[in-house]
Protein backbone atom coordinates (compact mmCIF):
# COMPACT_ATOMS: atom_id res chain seq x y z
CA UNK A 1 -21.61 18.02 28.60
CA UNK A 2 -18.21 16.94 29.90
CA UNK A 3 -19.47 13.41 30.62
CA UNK A 4 -20.88 13.17 27.08
CA UNK A 5 -17.53 14.17 25.53
CA UNK A 6 -15.69 11.62 27.69
CA UNK A 7 -18.18 8.91 26.70
CA UNK A 8 -17.73 9.65 22.98
CA UNK A 9 -13.95 9.60 23.36
CA UNK A 10 -14.09 6.22 25.10
CA UNK A 11 -16.31 4.76 22.37
CA UNK A 12 -14.00 5.98 19.59
CA UNK A 13 -10.96 4.59 21.45
CA UNK A 14 -12.68 1.24 21.86
CA UNK A 15 -13.50 1.11 18.15
CA UNK A 16 -9.95 1.96 17.08
CA UNK A 17 -8.30 -0.68 19.24
CA UNK A 18 -10.83 -3.52 19.24
CA UNK A 19 -11.90 -3.60 15.59
CA UNK A 20 -8.48 -4.89 14.36
CA UNK A 21 -9.14 -8.09 16.35
CA UNK A 22 -12.36 -8.65 14.39
CA UNK A 23 -10.54 -8.05 11.12
CA UNK A 24 -7.72 -10.40 12.13
CA UNK A 25 -10.24 -13.18 12.76
CA UNK A 26 -11.88 -12.55 9.37
CA UNK A 27 -8.47 -12.29 7.67
CA UNK A 28 -7.26 -15.63 9.02
CA UNK A 29 -10.49 -17.63 8.83
CA UNK A 30 -12.42 -16.22 5.88
CA UNK A 31 -13.72 -18.44 3.09
CA UNK A 32 -12.32 -17.98 -0.39
CA UNK A 33 -14.89 -16.04 -2.40
CA UNK A 34 -14.30 -16.23 -6.13
CA UNK A 35 -16.47 -16.76 -9.15
CA UNK A 36 -15.44 -19.88 -11.02
CA UNK A 37 -18.06 -20.15 -13.72
CA UNK A 38 -19.45 -17.01 -15.33
CA UNK A 39 -16.26 -15.00 -14.87
CA UNK A 40 -13.45 -17.18 -16.14
CA UNK A 41 -9.83 -16.29 -15.53
CA UNK A 42 -8.55 -18.07 -18.58
CA UNK A 43 -6.96 -16.09 -21.37
CA UNK A 44 -8.69 -18.02 -24.14
CA UNK A 45 -12.22 -16.78 -23.41
CA UNK A 46 -11.49 -13.37 -24.95
CA UNK A 47 -9.77 -14.67 -28.04
CA UNK A 48 -6.72 -12.54 -27.28
CA UNK A 49 -3.86 -14.17 -25.43
CA UNK A 50 -3.06 -12.44 -22.19
CA UNK A 51 -6.01 -10.07 -22.36
CA UNK A 52 -7.57 -11.18 -19.08
CA UNK A 53 -4.41 -12.27 -17.27
CA UNK A 54 -1.24 -10.81 -18.79
CA UNK A 55 2.29 -11.88 -18.03
CA UNK A 56 4.16 -8.79 -16.83
CA UNK A 57 7.56 -10.33 -17.69
CA UNK A 58 9.39 -8.00 -15.31
CA UNK A 59 13.05 -7.25 -15.84
CA UNK A 60 14.56 -6.83 -12.38
CA UNK A 61 17.37 -4.65 -13.64
CA UNK A 62 15.76 -2.31 -16.16
CA UNK A 63 12.20 -2.01 -14.77
CA UNK A 64 12.93 -1.18 -11.12
CA UNK A 65 13.30 2.41 -9.89
CA UNK A 66 16.55 1.92 -7.97
CA UNK A 67 16.93 5.67 -7.49
CA UNK A 68 14.10 5.50 -4.96
CA UNK A 69 16.26 3.85 -2.29
CA UNK A 70 18.31 7.05 -2.22
CA UNK A 71 19.38 9.24 -0.61
CA UNK A 72 21.05 6.95 1.89
CA UNK A 73 21.97 8.96 4.96
CA UNK A 74 24.37 8.08 7.73
CA UNK A 75 24.44 9.93 11.01
CA UNK A 76 21.52 12.18 10.17
CA UNK A 77 23.20 13.84 7.18
CA UNK A 78 23.20 13.18 3.44
CA UNK A 79 25.84 10.56 2.69
CA UNK A 80 25.54 10.17 -1.02
CA UNK A 81 22.79 10.32 -3.58
CA UNK A 82 22.23 8.90 -7.04
CA UNK A 83 19.45 9.95 -9.37
CA UNK A 84 16.85 12.67 -9.20
CA UNK A 85 15.09 13.60 -5.98
CA UNK A 86 11.43 14.02 -6.80
CA UNK A 87 10.30 15.58 -3.53
CA UNK A 88 11.35 18.15 -0.98
CA UNK A 89 12.86 17.14 2.37
CA UNK A 90 13.94 13.91 0.75
CA UNK A 91 16.33 12.90 3.53
CA UNK A 92 13.63 12.21 6.11
CA UNK A 93 10.16 13.55 5.31
CA UNK A 94 7.65 14.07 8.10
CA UNK A 95 9.79 12.03 10.47
CA UNK A 96 10.20 12.45 14.21
CA UNK A 97 13.92 11.81 13.91
CA UNK A 98 16.19 14.75 14.68
CA UNK A 99 18.87 14.93 12.00
CA UNK A 100 21.05 16.95 14.36
CA UNK A 101 21.70 13.93 16.60
CA UNK A 102 23.82 11.41 14.69
CA UNK A 103 24.43 9.13 17.70
CA UNK A 104 21.64 6.79 18.79
CA UNK A 105 21.18 4.32 21.64
CA UNK A 106 19.31 1.01 21.84
CA UNK A 107 19.01 -1.60 24.56
CA UNK A 108 20.21 -5.14 23.99
CA UNK A 109 18.40 -8.24 25.26
CA UNK A 110 19.96 -7.78 28.71
CA UNK A 111 18.90 -4.15 29.05
CA UNK A 112 22.42 -2.83 28.42
CA UNK A 113 22.56 0.28 26.19
CA UNK A 114 24.33 -0.04 22.87
CA UNK A 115 25.51 3.03 20.98
CA UNK A 116 25.27 3.32 17.24
CA UNK A 117 24.69 5.66 14.32
CA UNK A 118 21.48 6.40 12.44
CA UNK A 119 21.19 4.73 9.04
CA UNK A 120 18.29 5.82 6.80
CA UNK A 121 17.22 4.58 3.38
CA UNK A 122 14.24 3.12 1.52
CA UNK A 123 14.05 -0.61 1.16
CA UNK A 124 12.35 -2.40 -1.73
CA UNK A 125 10.00 -4.76 0.05
CA UNK A 126 6.82 -5.64 -1.89
CA UNK A 127 5.14 -5.78 -5.27
CA UNK A 128 1.46 -4.83 -5.50
CA UNK A 129 -0.79 -6.36 -8.14
CA UNK A 130 -4.10 -4.60 -8.83
CA UNK A 131 -6.01 -6.87 -11.20
CA UNK A 132 -9.42 -7.16 -12.83
CA UNK A 133 -9.47 -10.97 -12.92
CA UNK A 134 -9.57 -12.96 -9.66
CA UNK A 135 -6.45 -15.03 -8.99
CA UNK A 136 -4.52 -13.50 -11.86
CA UNK A 137 -0.81 -13.09 -10.99
CA UNK A 138 0.87 -10.95 -13.68
CA UNK A 139 4.13 -10.61 -11.74
CA UNK A 140 4.52 -14.38 -11.41
CA UNK A 141 3.03 -14.99 -14.87
CA UNK A 142 0.49 -17.41 -13.41
CA UNK A 143 -3.26 -17.99 -13.33
CA UNK A 144 -4.18 -19.35 -9.89
CA UNK A 145 -7.90 -19.70 -10.48
CA UNK A 146 -7.60 -23.32 -9.43
CA UNK A 147 -7.34 -22.06 -5.85
CA UNK A 148 -10.99 -20.93 -5.97
CA UNK A 149 -13.53 -23.07 -4.15
CA UNK A 150 -16.37 -24.14 -6.43
CA UNK A 151 -19.81 -23.18 -5.18
CA UNK A 152 -18.83 -19.86 -3.60
CA UNK A 153 -19.13 -16.68 -5.56
CA UNK A 154 -19.33 -12.95 -5.17
CA UNK A 155 -20.73 -10.30 -7.42
CA UNK A 156 -17.93 -9.47 -9.86
CA UNK A 157 -19.97 -7.65 -12.45
CA UNK A 158 -18.09 -4.44 -11.70
CA UNK A 159 -14.56 -5.82 -11.47
CA UNK A 160 -12.20 -3.57 -13.39
CA UNK A 161 -15.08 -1.67 -14.97
CA UNK A 162 -17.03 1.53 -14.55
CA UNK A 163 -20.75 1.76 -14.04
CA UNK A 164 -22.98 2.82 -16.88
CA UNK A 165 -23.93 6.45 -17.21
CA UNK A 166 -27.43 7.47 -16.22
CA UNK A 167 -29.06 6.55 -12.96
CA UNK A 168 -26.32 4.12 -11.98
CA UNK A 169 -23.37 5.55 -10.06
CA UNK A 170 -19.92 4.96 -11.42
CA UNK A 171 -18.26 2.10 -9.59
CA UNK A 172 -15.26 -0.13 -10.01
CA UNK A 173 -13.91 -3.18 -8.23
CA UNK A 174 -10.42 -4.67 -8.35
CA UNK A 175 -8.52 -7.34 -6.49
CA UNK A 176 -5.16 -6.67 -4.92
CA UNK A 177 -2.26 -8.99 -4.15
CA UNK A 178 1.04 -8.24 -2.58
CA UNK A 179 4.14 -10.21 -3.37
CA UNK A 180 6.97 -10.31 -0.84
CA UNK A 181 9.87 -8.98 -2.87
CA UNK A 182 13.02 -8.32 -0.77
CA UNK A 183 15.10 -7.28 -3.75
CA UNK A 184 17.93 -5.68 -1.75
CA UNK A 185 18.36 -8.86 0.28
CA UNK A 186 18.20 -11.04 -2.83
CA UNK A 187 20.88 -8.94 -4.54
CA UNK A 188 22.89 -8.86 -1.29
CA UNK A 189 23.31 -5.10 -1.33
CA UNK A 190 24.40 -5.27 2.29
CA UNK A 191 22.38 -2.56 4.08
CA UNK A 192 19.55 -4.67 5.52
CA UNK A 193 19.54 -4.04 9.28
CA UNK A 194 17.12 -5.60 11.76
CA UNK A 195 14.94 -2.49 11.85
CA UNK A 196 12.81 -3.55 8.89
CA UNK A 197 9.38 -5.03 9.55
CA UNK A 198 10.49 -8.44 8.37
CA UNK A 199 13.68 -9.97 7.03
CA UNK A 200 12.97 -12.09 3.97
CA UNK A 201 15.28 -13.68 1.45
CA UNK A 202 12.76 -15.21 -0.96
CA UNK A 203 9.82 -14.13 -3.13
CA UNK A 204 6.37 -15.26 -1.99
CA UNK A 205 2.67 -14.40 -2.06
CA UNK A 206 1.82 -12.46 1.09
CA UNK A 207 -1.85 -11.57 0.56
CA UNK A 208 -4.70 -12.14 -1.89
CA UNK A 209 -7.88 -10.11 -1.48
CA UNK A 210 -9.92 -12.95 -3.00
CA UNK A 211 -9.58 -14.74 0.34
CA UNK A 212 -11.06 -11.92 2.45
CA UNK A 213 -14.84 -11.62 2.33
CA UNK A 214 -14.88 -7.99 3.48
CA UNK A 215 -12.95 -6.97 0.34
CA UNK A 216 -16.14 -7.62 -1.64
CA UNK A 217 -18.76 -6.26 0.73
CA UNK A 218 -18.83 -2.79 2.25
CA UNK A 219 -21.21 -4.06 4.94
CA UNK A 220 -18.67 -6.55 6.26
CA UNK A 221 -15.95 -3.91 6.15
CA UNK A 222 -18.17 -1.59 8.20
CA UNK A 223 -18.73 -4.27 10.84
CA UNK A 224 -15.01 -4.92 11.09
CA UNK A 225 -14.04 -1.24 11.09
CA UNK A 226 -17.00 0.82 12.34
CA UNK A 227 -14.83 3.94 12.46
CA UNK A 228 -15.62 4.16 8.74
CA UNK A 229 -18.80 5.96 9.76
CA UNK A 230 -16.66 8.75 11.20
CA UNK A 231 -14.10 9.06 8.42
CA UNK A 232 -15.94 8.07 5.22
CA UNK A 233 -18.44 10.90 5.19
CA UNK A 234 -18.57 14.28 3.39
CA UNK A 235 -17.76 16.29 6.53
CA UNK A 236 -14.46 14.63 7.43
CA UNK A 237 -13.56 14.23 3.76
CA UNK A 238 -13.38 17.99 3.36
CA UNK A 239 -10.10 17.90 5.28
CA UNK A 240 -8.68 15.79 2.47
CA UNK A 241 -8.39 18.87 0.28
CA UNK A 242 -5.38 19.90 2.38
CA UNK A 243 -3.92 16.40 2.08
CA UNK A 244 -4.30 16.52 -1.71
CA UNK A 245 -2.52 19.86 -1.93
CA UNK A 246 0.30 18.73 0.37
CA UNK A 247 0.80 15.47 -1.52
CA UNK A 248 1.05 17.10 -4.93
CA UNK A 249 3.90 19.37 -3.82
CA UNK A 250 5.58 17.17 -1.21
CA UNK A 251 4.37 14.51 1.19
CA UNK A 252 0.95 13.53 2.55
CA UNK A 253 -0.24 14.61 5.99
CA UNK A 254 0.05 11.63 8.32
CA UNK A 255 -2.47 13.03 10.78
CA UNK A 256 -5.15 12.79 8.06
CA UNK A 257 -4.82 9.02 7.89
CA UNK A 258 -8.32 8.58 6.45
CA UNK A 259 -7.46 10.67 3.38
CA UNK A 260 -6.11 9.23 0.16
CA UNK A 261 -4.59 12.48 -1.05
CA UNK A 262 -6.05 13.36 -4.44
CA UNK A 263 -7.30 9.82 -5.06
CA UNK A 264 -10.29 9.50 -2.72
CA UNK A 265 -11.08 8.04 0.69
CA UNK A 266 -8.98 5.38 2.39
CA UNK A 267 -12.18 4.08 4.02
CA UNK A 268 -13.83 1.62 3.62
CA UNK A 269 -11.21 -1.11 3.37
CA UNK A 270 -12.74 -2.78 0.31
CA UNK A 271 -12.05 -3.16 -3.38
CA UNK A 272 -15.19 -1.20 -4.24
CA UNK A 273 -14.63 2.34 -5.47
CA UNK A 274 -17.53 4.72 -5.99
CA UNK A 275 -17.22 7.85 -8.13
CA UNK A 276 -14.16 6.52 -9.86
CA UNK A 277 -11.53 8.67 -11.53
CA UNK A 278 -9.24 6.73 -13.87
CA UNK A 279 -8.10 3.10 -13.70
CA UNK A 280 -4.60 4.25 -12.72
CA UNK A 281 -5.95 6.45 -9.90
CA UNK A 282 -8.18 3.60 -8.71
CA UNK A 283 -5.25 1.19 -8.55
CA UNK A 284 -3.17 3.58 -6.47
CA UNK A 285 -6.05 4.29 -4.11
CA UNK A 286 -6.49 0.56 -3.48
CA UNK A 287 -2.83 0.29 -2.55
CA UNK A 288 -3.39 2.95 0.11
CA UNK A 289 -6.47 1.11 1.38
CA UNK A 290 -4.58 -2.14 1.57
CA UNK A 291 -1.64 -0.62 3.45
CA UNK A 292 -4.06 1.10 5.85
CA UNK A 293 -5.79 -2.25 6.44
CA UNK A 294 -2.49 -3.99 7.11
CA UNK A 295 -1.56 -1.35 9.68
CA UNK A 296 -4.97 -1.63 11.37
CA UNK A 297 -4.59 -5.38 11.94
CA UNK A 298 -0.90 -5.23 12.86
CA UNK A 299 0.56 -6.81 9.72
CA UNK A 300 2.45 -3.63 8.71
CA UNK A 301 4.76 -1.74 11.05
CA UNK A 302 6.13 1.74 11.39
CA UNK A 303 9.82 1.83 10.48
CA UNK A 304 10.52 5.58 10.26
CA UNK A 305 11.03 8.04 13.07
CA UNK A 306 12.96 8.02 16.33
CA UNK A 307 10.68 5.45 17.96
CA UNK A 308 11.54 2.98 15.20
CA UNK A 309 15.31 3.37 15.30
CA UNK A 310 15.74 0.21 17.39
CA UNK A 311 13.19 -1.81 15.43
CA UNK A 312 9.83 -1.46 13.70
CA UNK A 313 6.67 -1.49 15.80
CA UNK A 314 2.94 -1.95 15.34
CA UNK A 315 1.25 1.30 14.36
CA UNK A 316 -2.54 1.15 13.79
CA UNK A 317 -2.77 4.20 11.50
CA UNK A 318 -1.02 4.27 8.14
CA UNK A 319 2.08 6.54 8.22
CA UNK A 320 1.64 7.66 4.63
CA UNK A 321 4.96 9.51 4.37
CA UNK A 322 6.76 6.23 5.11
CA UNK A 323 5.89 4.80 1.71
CA UNK A 324 6.55 5.47 -1.93
CA UNK A 325 5.53 3.51 -4.99
CA UNK A 326 6.53 3.31 -8.64
CA UNK A 327 4.65 1.68 -11.51
CA UNK A 328 6.14 -1.58 -12.74
CA UNK A 329 3.52 -2.66 -15.31
CA UNK A 330 2.21 -2.04 -17.96
CA UNK A 331 4.79 0.72 -18.51
CA UNK A 332 7.54 0.78 -15.91
CA UNK A 333 8.82 3.89 -14.15
CA UNK A 334 12.50 3.14 -13.93
CA UNK A 335 14.45 6.34 -14.43
CA UNK A 336 14.35 10.00 -13.54
CA UNK A 337 11.46 10.99 -11.29
CA UNK A 338 10.32 7.41 -11.08
CA UNK A 339 8.74 7.04 -7.61
CA UNK A 340 6.20 9.13 -5.74
CA UNK A 341 4.40 9.42 -2.39
CA UNK A 342 1.02 7.85 -1.77
CA UNK A 343 -1.97 9.93 -2.85
CA UNK A 344 -0.31 12.09 -5.49
CA UNK A 345 -2.51 12.60 -8.53
CA UNK A 346 -1.52 10.43 -11.52
CA UNK A 347 -1.22 13.51 -13.72
CA UNK A 348 1.40 14.87 -11.32
CA UNK A 349 3.27 11.63 -10.65
CA UNK A 350 3.45 10.90 -14.39
CA UNK A 351 1.53 7.61 -14.36
CA UNK A 352 -1.84 8.61 -15.87
CA UNK A 353 -0.71 7.82 -19.41
CA UNK A 354 0.84 4.46 -18.44
CA UNK A 355 -2.28 2.43 -19.21
CA UNK A 356 -2.81 0.27 -22.30
CA UNK A 357 -6.32 -0.78 -23.36
CA UNK A 358 -6.86 -4.52 -23.02
CA UNK A 359 -3.86 -6.31 -21.52
CA UNK A 360 -2.49 -3.12 -19.93
CA UNK A 361 -5.38 -2.47 -17.55
CA UNK A 362 -3.91 -4.55 -14.72
CA UNK A 363 -1.24 -2.75 -12.72
CA UNK A 364 1.91 -3.62 -10.83
CA UNK A 365 3.68 -1.30 -8.39
CA UNK A 366 6.86 -1.53 -6.36
CA UNK A 367 6.62 -0.48 -2.70
CA UNK A 368 9.51 1.41 -1.11
CA UNK A 369 9.51 1.66 2.68
CA UNK A 370 11.45 4.32 4.60
CA UNK A 371 13.66 2.82 7.31
CA UNK A 372 15.43 4.68 10.13
CA UNK A 373 17.76 2.30 11.95
CA UNK A 374 20.30 2.63 14.71
CA UNK A 375 23.20 0.53 13.45
CA UNK A 376 25.22 -0.79 16.37
């Protein structure tokens, strides 16, 4: 019996640490799959301008939830705060950092210790686009369907839609893009230490799901991440009830990394959603799936907690409490309780009603990333 348990543990460990390599290969070498004939991305085919690919026309000053970068803490204590705090333990939720130790130490390149003070805040780092039409970029106000390779297609009949009632299960499929958006660096706010996962000064396209074949096909996603068999089943999903309850009143449970709070399952890492809730809930679930995928393949780092105080590091499981999001389009959350943890139900985070039939069924969100940094 003992040998069997050890064998199972070794197999699970192998899956968790080897499968990101397979995904990385697919991520960097996959063929662009996009329908270029029957599903047009032009705005003229509906007769309503902007219906299929709207221009979000974002106002950087009035549409961004700047309150979400607060509270900024220095030395493990609250320094100052502006705006409403939506959640409990706002200073450092679910973090390994001990607020009672304001002095921190990091090693320089020569192995000599440097003393500093903990600096904690949330940085504005990315914009997420969750869209019905392939290669539609509402944030940039562009239609990039010309990037598609003619002759390759995938089944898009369910993109942005729900399945018919009756014998067919309800399904939906969306594409997701993330835009590198280092707003604090662009505005030169000043507190941008080296502990963030990347230091950018310009806006750019970081990822488009149209270019990853596994985003369309659950079978490919299963081959790349076979641990889905363990986590995307009714037995393990029962634990997600606790994650849903915790998220609605505070922060998600990081140990339940396969749970999407009240939104569904983080696995599989695809744009296909079965047993859909609402379009808003679907869009927020896909953001969680995308972030989990980025952590699995090493493209997203952990930046909160004591281990990250000297710099972010690769962390294969999504640290859900590290992130918050706020809706940017179609109706921006920009004041009051305007950002929320991952997995919180749209009725609780006040986003369920922020959907407009037609041009307002594509969604933009701002990502806020918690950073704990030892400033030397």
